[in-house]
Every structure is written in C-alpha cells, then in structure tokens.
C-alpha cells in the first residue's frame, strides 16, 4: 500500500466507507492491481470499539485518480458501495 500522505498530497477523496472487511480487502486488491495509489484509514479503530466492527473503515484516493477508481468500482459491481463523488475539481 502506498502512503499518499508521505508524498505530500493533500487532495484525497473518499472512495468507500464500510465496515465489511471482505469488501474493503477486495477494493484494496482492485486498486492495487490497477496501480491506483490509495490510503486506507481507520483500520485500527477496532481497539477503540472493542472489535465489534461498528466503526467503518475508509479508502481514499488522490483526486487525480478518483474517476478511474470510481469506474473500477462500477466495473466490479461495487458502485453501490462507493461514497458520493466529490463536487470540487
């Protein structure tokens, strides 16, 4: 996983927010296989929530890759899982 924060990027857009670990893993694999850099957030929140799976985890992509990532999600049949598209460009 590439860390976008370390590259000095600040235009991250939320692609997906879910507490389904299988969906999250699948999306990460899709993005990785398509060479779309992403940042997974809130992965360690289970320690705060008591491992109940209540708090959703998020995948963010740089806005330069957002449309490609959204198309990838749609092609994989996961467009219903995606967060609303950002309005600013």
C-alpha atoms as a PDB file:
ATOM      1  CA  UNK A   1       0.000   0.000   0.000  1.00  0.00           C
ATOM      2  CA  UNK A   2       1.341   3.389  -0.934  1.00  0.00           C
ATOM      3  CA  UNK A   3       1.059   6.161   1.614  1.00  0.00           C
ATOM      4  CA  UNK A   4      -0.267   9.264  -0.120  1.00  0.00           C
ATOM      5  CA  UNK A   5       0.309  11.388   2.971  1.00  0.00           C
ATOM      6  CA  UNK A   6       4.026  10.727   2.736  1.00  0.00           C
ATOM      7  CA  UNK A   7       4.080  12.001  -0.858  1.00  0.00           C
ATOM      8  CA  UNK A   8       2.825  15.399   0.259  1.00  0.00           C
ATOM      9  CA  UNK A   9      -0.557  15.007  -1.431  1.00  0.00           C
ATOM     10  CA  UNK A  10      -3.494  16.714   0.212  1.00  0.00           C
ATOM     11  CA  UNK A  11      -6.251  16.198  -2.347  1.00  0.00           C
ATOM     12  CA  UNK A  12      -7.528  12.874  -1.079  1.00  0.00           C
ATOM     13  CA  UNK A  13     -11.114  11.872  -1.823  1.00  0.00           C
ATOM     14  CA  UNK A  14     -13.098   9.212  -0.034  1.00  0.00           C
ATOM     15  CA  UNK A  15     -13.848   6.315  -2.358  1.00  0.00           C
ATOM     16  CA  UNK A  16     -15.511   3.901   0.047  1.00  0.00           C
ATOM     17  CA  UNK A  17     -16.540   3.777   3.689  1.00  0.00           C
ATOM     18  CA  UNK A  18     -17.521   0.361   5.019  1.00  0.00           C
ATOM     19  CA  UNK A  19     -17.282  -1.935   7.989  1.00  0.00           C
ATOM     20  CA  UNK A  20     -17.334  -5.006   5.729  1.00  0.00           C
ATOM     21  CA  UNK A  21     -13.782  -6.386   5.905  1.00  0.00           C
ATOM     22  CA  UNK A  22     -14.271  -8.558   2.805  1.00  0.00           C
ATOM     23  CA  UNK A  23     -15.405  -5.603   0.670  1.00  0.00           C
ATOM     24  CA  UNK A  24     -12.553  -3.500   1.993  1.00  0.00           C
ATOM     25  CA  UNK A  25      -9.996  -6.175   1.147  1.00  0.00           C
ATOM     26  CA  UNK A  26     -11.482  -6.634  -2.335  1.00  0.00           C
ATOM     27  CA  UNK A  27     -11.387  -2.895  -3.068  1.00  0.00           C
ATOM     28  CA  UNK A  28      -7.773  -2.702  -1.898  1.00  0.00           C
ATOM     29  CA  UNK A  29      -6.862  -5.594  -4.216  1.00  0.00           C
ATOM     30  CA  UNK A  30      -8.659  -3.972  -7.163  1.00  0.00           C
ATOM     31  CA  UNK A  31      -6.891  -0.661  -6.625  1.00  0.00           C
ATOM     32  CA  UNK A  32      -3.509  -2.304  -6.104  1.00  0.00           C
ATOM     33  CA  UNK A  33      -3.881  -4.451  -9.252  1.00  0.00           C
ATOM     34  CA  UNK A  34      -4.847  -1.338 -11.244  1.00  0.00           C
ATOM     35  CA  UNK A  35      -1.877   0.646  -9.900  1.00  0.00           C
ATOM     36  CA  UNK A  36      -4.142   3.254  -8.332  1.00  0.00           C
ATOM     37  CA  UNK A  37      -2.490   4.645  -5.202  1.00  0.00           C
ATOM     38  CA  UNK A  38      -4.747   4.682  -2.159  1.00  0.00           C
ATOM     39  CA  UNK A  39      -4.717   5.241   1.558  1.00  0.00           C
ATOM     40  CA  UNK A  40      -6.690   3.017   3.934  1.00  0.00           C
ATOM     41  CA  UNK A  41      -7.794   4.807   7.096  1.00  0.00           C
ATOM     42  CA  UNK A  42      -9.339   3.804  10.412  1.00  0.00           C
ATOM     43  CA  UNK A  43      -8.058   0.220  10.155  1.00  0.00           C
ATOM     44  CA  UNK A  44      -7.017   0.094  13.797  1.00  0.00           C
ATOM     45  CA  UNK A  45     -10.208   1.544  15.200  1.00  0.00           C
ATOM     46  CA  UNK A  46     -11.248  -1.923  16.397  1.00  0.00           C
ATOM     47  CA  UNK A  47      -9.151  -1.389  19.519  1.00  0.00           C
ATOM     48  CA  UNK A  48     -11.352   1.573  20.443  1.00  0.00           C
ATOM     49  CA  UNK A  49     -14.630  -0.077  19.553  1.00  0.00           C
ATOM     50  CA  UNK A  50     -13.849  -3.405  21.203  1.00  0.00           C
ATOM     51  CA  UNK A  51     -13.567  -5.368  17.910  1.00  0.00           C
ATOM     52  CA  UNK A  52     -17.304  -5.080  17.272  1.00  0.00           C
ATOM     53  CA  UNK A  53     -16.943  -3.860  13.677  1.00  0.00           C
ATOM     54  CA  UNK A  54     -19.133  -0.824  14.282  1.00  0.00           C
ATOM     55  CA  UNK A  55     -16.825   1.906  13.019  1.00  0.00           C
ATOM     56  CA  UNK A  56     -16.390   1.962   9.242  1.00  0.00           C
ATOM     57  CA  UNK A  57     -13.007   1.904   7.555  1.00  0.00           C
ATOM     58  CA  UNK A  58     -12.262   4.233   4.645  1.00  0.00           C
ATOM     59  CA  UNK A  59     -10.297   4.055   1.412  1.00  0.00           C
ATOM     60  CA  UNK A  60      -9.127   7.364  -0.047  1.00  0.00           C
ATOM     61  CA  UNK A  61      -7.605   8.083  -3.443  1.00  0.00           C
ATOM     62  CA  UNK A  62      -5.983  11.181  -4.835  1.00  0.00           C
ATOM     63  CA  UNK A  63      -8.420  13.273  -6.835  1.00  0.00           C
ATOM     64  CA  UNK A  64      -6.288  12.705  -9.959  1.00  0.00           C
ATOM     65  CA  UNK A  65      -7.212   9.000  -9.732  1.00  0.00           C
ATOM     66  CA  UNK A  66     -10.749   9.395  -8.395  1.00  0.00           C
ATOM     67  CA  UNK A  67     -12.669   8.967 -11.660  1.00  0.00           C
ATOM     68  CA  UNK A  68     -10.595   5.944 -12.674  1.00  0.00           C
ATOM     69  CA  UNK A  69     -11.102   4.371  -9.240  1.00  0.00           C
ATOM     70  CA  UNK A  70     -14.847   5.006  -9.390  1.00  0.00           C
ATOM     71  CA  UNK A  71     -15.033   3.422 -12.838  1.00  0.00           C
ATOM     72  CA  UNK A  72     -13.118   0.428 -11.493  1.00  0.00           C
ATOM     73  CA  UNK A  73     -15.630   0.099  -8.664  1.00  0.00           C
ATOM     74  CA  UNK A  74     -18.518   0.316 -11.135  1.00  0.00           C
ATOM     75  CA  UNK A  75     -16.962  -2.301 -13.424  1.00  0.00           C
ATOM     76  CA  UNK A  76     -16.556  -4.611 -10.408  1.00  0.00           C
ATOM     77  CA  UNK A  77     -20.219  -4.149  -9.477  1.00  0.00           C
ATOM     78  CA  UNK A  78     -19.376  -2.141  -6.355  1.00  0.00           C
ATOM     79  CA  UNK A  79     -20.639   1.291  -7.375  1.00  0.00           C
ATOM     80  CA  UNK A  80     -23.434   0.950  -4.777  1.00  0.00           C
ATOM     81  CA  UNK A  81     -20.698   0.751  -2.113  1.00  0.00           C
ATOM     82  CA  UNK A  82     -18.896   3.944  -3.089  1.00  0.00           C
ATOM     83  CA  UNK A  83     -19.102   7.240  -1.256  1.00  0.00           C
ATOM     84  CA  UNK A  84     -20.724  10.108  -3.187  1.00  0.00           C
ATOM     85  CA  UNK A  85     -18.429  11.664  -5.777  1.00  0.00           C
ATOM     86  CA  UNK A  86     -16.731  14.897  -4.822  1.00  0.00           C
ATOM     87  CA  UNK A  87     -18.123  18.065  -6.334  1.00  0.00           C
ATOM     88  CA  UNK A  88     -14.868  20.055  -6.406  1.00  0.00           C
ATOM     89  CA  UNK A  89     -12.410  19.652  -9.253  1.00  0.00           C
END
